[in-house]
Amino acid sequence: MFPSLKEGESYTLTVSGEDAQGNAVQKAVGFEYKPRQVMLADGMDGKVMVPAVTHEFVHADGKRIIETKPLTLSDGAVVTGSYDVFATLRSDAKVPLVVNGVRIEPGQTMGIMSQHDFGASGGRLSIPVKPAVPDVVGSSSLLVMTSAPNSPILVVDINTWKGTAKLSAESWTIRQVIDPVKIYALPESGVPCRFTTKEDVAMAADPIRDPVCLLQWDRTPDEAEQTRHCCKVSDEAAFCLIQRPYISKTLLTRRISPRGSP
């Protein structure tokens, strides 16, 4: 059961009873559920951004998407021993997830680890996560719990995103002479990555904490025309001198891919 996390969010317990004479009564009681929770070790406040591709990303240091602090009991003792680990995907999740190799659909609870040795892991959980389907953008709330008595739960929002850019230029229409045109590419609203044209920079970035998208410019001249191009490309813009009567938005297109995607 997911805890009450949002403002005004609560559960309702409804009890119905009937005596031997057929007298029936029903009572509803509202309550909030606020169990103890364990935090992510990297301090990402329970929200994780991952590219909307079916690829198992890891941090730049090789750590998995879900790395928790030690799970502790009510008395502060770290959880030890071997216990099963389960995961529940909230019913309103936008994207099904694959958690430690197990596909979980919205509303499902699945066992993801059998007899995990908390003593060997220092009481921590290290769990890989990836979208089960590609190209779907949205938020999926994941609840992770263990069979260890009185152990805390983990709630993490997995947010998927696609690397898309917004192109802009001072003018999309060029005079019938040699005219310069400067086209800018910036991340669309909600896209967490920054752009680079350097593959090594994109490959070295942390795809979860500080994603960098590789931006590639393609020249697509009209084959029927003899066109000369002299282009300088930076991380945000392509500056070209183009000798042709007209330039369209398709003259320069961009290909964007997050680091580590296939």
Protein backbone atom coordinates (compact mmCIF):
# COMPACT_ATOMS: atom_id res chain seq x y z
CA MET A 1 0.00 0.00 0.00
CA PHE A 2 1.43 3.37 -1.00
CA PRO A 3 1.86 5.95 1.76
CA SER A 4 -0.11 9.19 1.85
CA LEU A 5 2.38 11.50 0.14
CA LYS A 6 0.29 14.19 -1.55
CA GLU A 7 -1.65 17.02 0.05
CA GLY A 8 -5.08 15.77 1.11
CA GLU A 9 -4.33 12.19 0.06
CA SER A 10 -5.83 9.59 2.42
CA TYR A 11 -7.38 6.14 2.53
CA THR A 12 -10.90 5.18 3.55
CA LEU A 13 -11.67 2.01 5.52
CA THR A 14 -15.30 0.93 5.15
CA VAL A 15 -16.75 -1.69 7.53
CA SER A 16 -20.17 -3.27 7.09
CA GLY A 17 -21.97 -5.40 9.71
CA GLU A 18 -25.26 -7.19 10.12
CA ASP A 19 -26.77 -8.90 13.21
CA ALA A 20 -28.96 -12.00 13.41
CA GLN A 21 -32.12 -9.89 13.08
CA GLY A 22 -30.96 -8.42 9.78
CA ASN A 23 -30.05 -5.00 11.12
CA ALA A 24 -27.24 -3.67 8.95
CA VAL A 25 -24.80 -0.86 9.58
CA GLN A 26 -21.89 0.59 7.64
CA LYS A 27 -19.12 2.80 8.93
CA ALA A 28 -16.38 4.57 6.94
CA VAL A 29 -13.24 5.94 8.55
CA GLY A 30 -10.59 7.99 6.76
CA PHE A 31 -6.93 7.62 7.66
CA GLU A 32 -3.46 8.48 6.41
CA TYR A 33 -0.75 5.87 5.95
CA LYS A 34 2.72 7.17 6.73
CA PRO A 35 5.19 4.33 7.30
CA ARG A 36 8.90 4.86 7.81
CA GLN A 37 10.78 5.28 4.55
CA VAL A 38 14.37 4.72 3.47
CA MET A 39 16.00 7.30 1.21
CA LEU A 40 18.08 6.94 -1.92
CA ALA A 41 21.79 7.04 -1.16
CA ASP A 42 22.54 9.72 -3.77
CA GLY A 43 20.14 12.24 -2.26
CA MET A 44 17.89 12.50 -5.31
CA ASP A 45 14.79 13.17 -3.14
CA GLY A 46 12.87 10.16 -4.46
CA LYS A 47 12.68 11.37 -8.06
CA VAL A 48 14.72 9.79 -10.83
CA MET A 49 14.88 10.85 -14.50
CA VAL A 50 15.69 8.16 -17.07
CA PRO A 51 15.61 8.27 -20.89
CA ALA A 52 12.50 6.68 -22.43
CA VAL A 53 14.37 3.74 -23.96
CA THR A 54 14.49 0.08 -22.95
CA HIS A 55 18.11 0.27 -21.85
CA GLU A 56 19.42 -0.37 -18.35
CA PHE A 57 21.25 2.85 -17.51
CA VAL A 58 23.69 3.19 -14.63
CA HIS A 59 25.38 6.17 -13.04
CA ALA A 60 28.75 7.34 -14.32
CA ASP A 61 30.42 5.50 -11.42
CA GLY A 62 28.67 2.24 -12.35
CA LYS A 63 26.07 2.32 -9.58
CA ARG A 64 22.51 1.29 -10.36
CA ILE A 65 19.51 3.60 -10.57
CA ILE A 66 18.16 2.51 -7.17
CA GLU A 67 20.84 2.59 -4.47
CA THR A 68 19.45 3.02 -0.96
CA LYS A 69 20.85 4.04 2.36
CA PRO A 70 20.96 1.21 4.94
CA LEU A 71 17.50 -0.01 5.96
CA THR A 72 17.06 0.33 9.72
CA LEU A 73 14.53 -1.00 12.21
CA SER A 74 12.54 1.12 14.67
CA ASP A 75 15.35 0.90 17.24
CA GLY A 76 17.92 2.12 14.72
CA ALA A 77 19.55 -1.26 14.11
CA VAL A 78 20.50 -2.00 10.50
CA VAL A 79 18.49 -4.79 8.87
CA THR A 80 20.48 -8.04 8.65
CA GLY A 81 19.59 -11.53 7.53
CA SER A 82 18.04 -12.74 4.27
CA TYR A 83 14.61 -11.50 3.21
CA ASP A 84 12.52 -11.34 0.06
CA VAL A 85 12.08 -7.98 -1.70
CA PHE A 86 8.89 -6.93 -3.49
CA ALA A 87 7.98 -4.02 -5.76
CA THR A 88 4.61 -2.46 -6.53
CA LEU A 89 3.93 -0.12 -9.43
CA ARG A 90 1.24 2.40 -8.65
CA SER A 91 -1.98 1.88 -10.65
CA ASP A 92 -1.76 5.32 -12.28
CA ALA A 93 1.82 4.77 -13.52
CA LYS A 94 2.37 5.94 -17.09
CA VAL A 95 5.07 3.43 -17.98
CA PRO A 96 5.50 -0.26 -17.05
CA LEU A 97 8.93 -0.96 -15.61
CA VAL A 98 11.45 -3.78 -15.56
CA VAL A 99 12.82 -3.95 -12.01
CA ASN A 100 15.77 -6.30 -11.45
CA GLY A 101 14.74 -8.19 -14.59
CA VAL A 102 11.06 -8.52 -13.60
CA ARG A 103 8.44 -6.70 -15.66
CA ILE A 104 5.83 -4.90 -13.55
CA GLU A 105 2.62 -3.45 -14.98
CA PRO A 106 0.69 -0.58 -13.31
CA GLY A 107 -1.14 -1.92 -10.25
CA GLN A 108 0.99 -5.07 -10.00
CA THR A 109 3.09 -6.32 -7.09
CA MET A 110 5.95 -8.65 -7.97
CA GLY A 111 8.78 -10.36 -6.13
CA ILE A 112 12.04 -8.91 -7.44
CA MET A 113 14.66 -10.43 -5.11
CA SER A 114 14.56 -13.78 -3.32
CA GLN A 115 16.25 -14.03 0.07
CA HIS A 116 18.40 -10.95 -0.40
CA ASP A 117 21.33 -11.03 2.04
CA PHE A 118 21.11 -7.70 3.87
CA GLY A 119 24.09 -8.59 6.03
CA ALA A 120 26.34 -8.86 2.99
CA SER A 121 25.01 -5.62 1.47
CA GLY A 122 25.28 -3.56 4.64
CA GLY A 123 21.50 -3.33 4.85
CA ARG A 124 21.28 -1.62 1.46
CA LEU A 125 19.37 -2.31 -1.73
CA SER A 126 20.94 -2.01 -5.18
CA ILE A 127 18.32 -2.49 -7.90
CA PRO A 128 18.46 -1.93 -11.68
CA VAL A 129 15.42 -0.31 -13.30
CA LYS A 130 14.49 0.42 -16.91
CA PRO A 131 11.33 1.25 -18.89
CA ALA A 132 9.58 -1.85 -20.23
CA VAL A 133 8.46 0.00 -23.38
CA PRO A 134 10.25 2.71 -25.40
CA ASP A 135 9.21 6.25 -26.31
CA VAL A 136 6.60 6.72 -23.55
CA VAL A 137 7.08 9.85 -21.43
CA GLY A 138 5.61 10.08 -17.95
CA SER A 139 5.95 9.37 -14.24
CA SER A 140 5.69 5.94 -12.60
CA SER A 141 5.68 5.65 -8.82
CA LEU A 142 7.44 2.53 -7.55
CA LEU A 143 7.11 1.10 -4.03
CA VAL A 144 9.83 -1.28 -2.81
CA MET A 145 9.34 -3.26 0.41
CA THR A 146 10.92 -6.24 2.14
CA SER A 147 9.64 -9.15 4.22
CA ALA A 148 11.90 -8.05 7.09
CA PRO A 149 9.66 -7.22 10.10
CA ASN A 150 9.33 -3.48 10.86
CA SER A 151 11.62 -2.52 7.98
CA PRO A 152 11.06 0.77 6.11
CA ILE A 153 9.77 1.07 2.56
CA LEU A 154 11.17 2.93 -0.44
CA VAL A 155 9.02 5.07 -2.72
CA VAL A 156 10.65 6.45 -5.86
CA ASP A 157 9.17 8.24 -8.87
CA ILE A 158 10.69 7.03 -12.14
CA ASN A 159 10.24 9.79 -14.73
CA THR A 160 10.94 8.95 -18.38
CA TRP A 161 11.93 11.60 -20.94
CA LYS A 162 12.88 11.90 -24.59
CA GLY A 163 15.71 14.04 -25.97
CA THR A 164 13.95 16.58 -28.17
CA ALA A 165 15.11 20.01 -29.29
CA LYS A 166 13.44 23.25 -30.30
CA LEU A 167 14.99 24.96 -33.32
CA SER A 168 14.96 28.72 -33.76
CA ALA A 169 16.50 31.17 -36.23
CA GLU A 170 16.46 34.89 -36.87
CA SER A 171 14.77 34.13 -40.19
CA TRP A 172 13.79 30.97 -42.05
CA THR A 173 13.66 32.80 -45.40
CA ILE A 174 16.94 33.64 -47.12
CA ARG A 175 17.52 36.20 -49.87
CA GLN A 176 18.67 34.99 -53.25
CA VAL A 177 22.28 35.84 -52.51
CA ILE A 178 24.90 34.46 -50.17
CA ASP A 179 23.17 34.91 -46.82
CA PRO A 180 24.21 33.77 -43.37
CA VAL A 181 21.71 31.89 -41.24
CA LYS A 182 22.18 30.93 -37.62
CA ILE A 183 20.01 28.15 -36.26
CA TYR A 184 19.78 27.52 -32.51
CA ALA A 185 18.83 24.25 -30.83
CA LEU A 186 17.71 24.23 -27.20
CA PRO A 187 16.16 21.44 -25.11
CA GLU A 188 12.37 21.32 -25.24
CA SER A 189 10.51 22.13 -22.04
CA GLY A 190 10.80 19.25 -19.58
CA VAL A 191 13.91 17.77 -21.22
CA PRO A 192 16.55 17.49 -18.45
CA CYS A 193 19.63 17.03 -20.62
CA ARG A 194 22.01 19.66 -21.91
CA PHE A 195 23.35 19.49 -25.46
CA THR A 196 26.84 18.84 -26.75
CA THR A 197 28.30 18.09 -30.17
CA LYS A 198 31.21 16.21 -28.59
CA GLU A 199 30.65 12.47 -28.30
CA ASP A 200 33.27 12.03 -25.57
CA VAL A 201 31.53 14.65 -23.40
CA ALA A 202 28.18 12.90 -23.79
CA MET A 203 29.69 9.48 -23.07
CA ALA A 204 31.42 10.70 -19.90
CA ALA A 205 28.29 12.29 -18.40
CA ASP A 206 26.10 10.71 -15.73
CA PRO A 207 22.90 9.79 -17.65
CA ILE A 208 20.77 9.96 -14.49
CA ARG A 209 22.12 12.82 -12.40
CA ASP A 210 23.46 15.09 -15.17
CA PRO A 211 22.40 13.76 -18.61
CA VAL A 212 24.07 15.15 -21.73
CA CYS A 213 22.49 14.65 -25.16
CA LEU A 214 24.67 14.29 -28.23
CA LEU A 215 23.44 16.80 -30.81
CA GLN A 216 24.32 16.09 -34.43
CA TRP A 217 23.56 18.45 -37.31
CA ASP A 218 22.76 17.00 -40.74
CA ARG A 219 23.02 19.03 -43.95
CA THR A 220 20.26 18.11 -46.39
CA PRO A 221 20.62 20.27 -49.52
CA ASP A 222 18.35 20.05 -52.54
CA GLU A 223 20.00 17.53 -54.84
CA ALA A 224 18.71 19.40 -57.89
CA GLU A 225 20.73 22.46 -57.00
CA GLN A 226 24.43 23.09 -56.84
CA THR A 227 24.72 24.39 -53.31
CA ARG A 228 27.79 25.46 -51.41
CA HIS A 229 27.92 25.13 -47.63
CA CYS A 230 30.37 26.53 -45.15
CA CYS A 231 29.19 25.59 -41.67
CA LYS A 232 30.46 26.07 -38.15
CA VAL A 233 28.69 24.00 -35.52
CA SER A 234 28.67 24.55 -31.75
CA ASP A 235 26.78 22.87 -28.92
CA GLU A 236 23.77 25.11 -29.44
CA ALA A 237 23.89 26.48 -32.97
CA ALA A 238 24.85 25.88 -36.56
CA PHE A 239 26.07 28.90 -38.52
CA CYS A 240 26.05 28.53 -42.28
CA LEU A 241 26.69 30.54 -45.42
CA ILE A 242 24.35 29.12 -48.01
CA GLN A 243 24.17 30.03 -51.68
CA ARG A 244 20.72 29.05 -52.84
CA PRO A 245 17.44 30.90 -53.44
CA TYR A 246 15.57 29.44 -50.46
CA ILE A 247 16.30 27.67 -47.20
CA SER A 248 13.72 25.61 -45.37
CA LYS A 249 13.64 24.24 -41.84
CA THR A 250 14.79 20.89 -43.19
CA LEU A 251 18.12 22.28 -44.34
CA LEU A 252 19.57 21.60 -40.94
CA THR A 253 17.99 18.91 -38.82
CA ARG A 254 19.22 17.52 -35.55
CA ARG A 255 19.65 14.03 -34.21
CA ILE A 256 19.68 13.68 -30.47
CA SER A 257 20.58 10.67 -28.39
CA PRO A 258 21.21 10.35 -24.64
CA ARG A 259 24.50 8.86 -23.56
CA GLY A 260 24.39 5.09 -23.26
CA SER A 261 21.29 4.51 -25.36
CA PRO A 262 21.43 1.89 -28.11
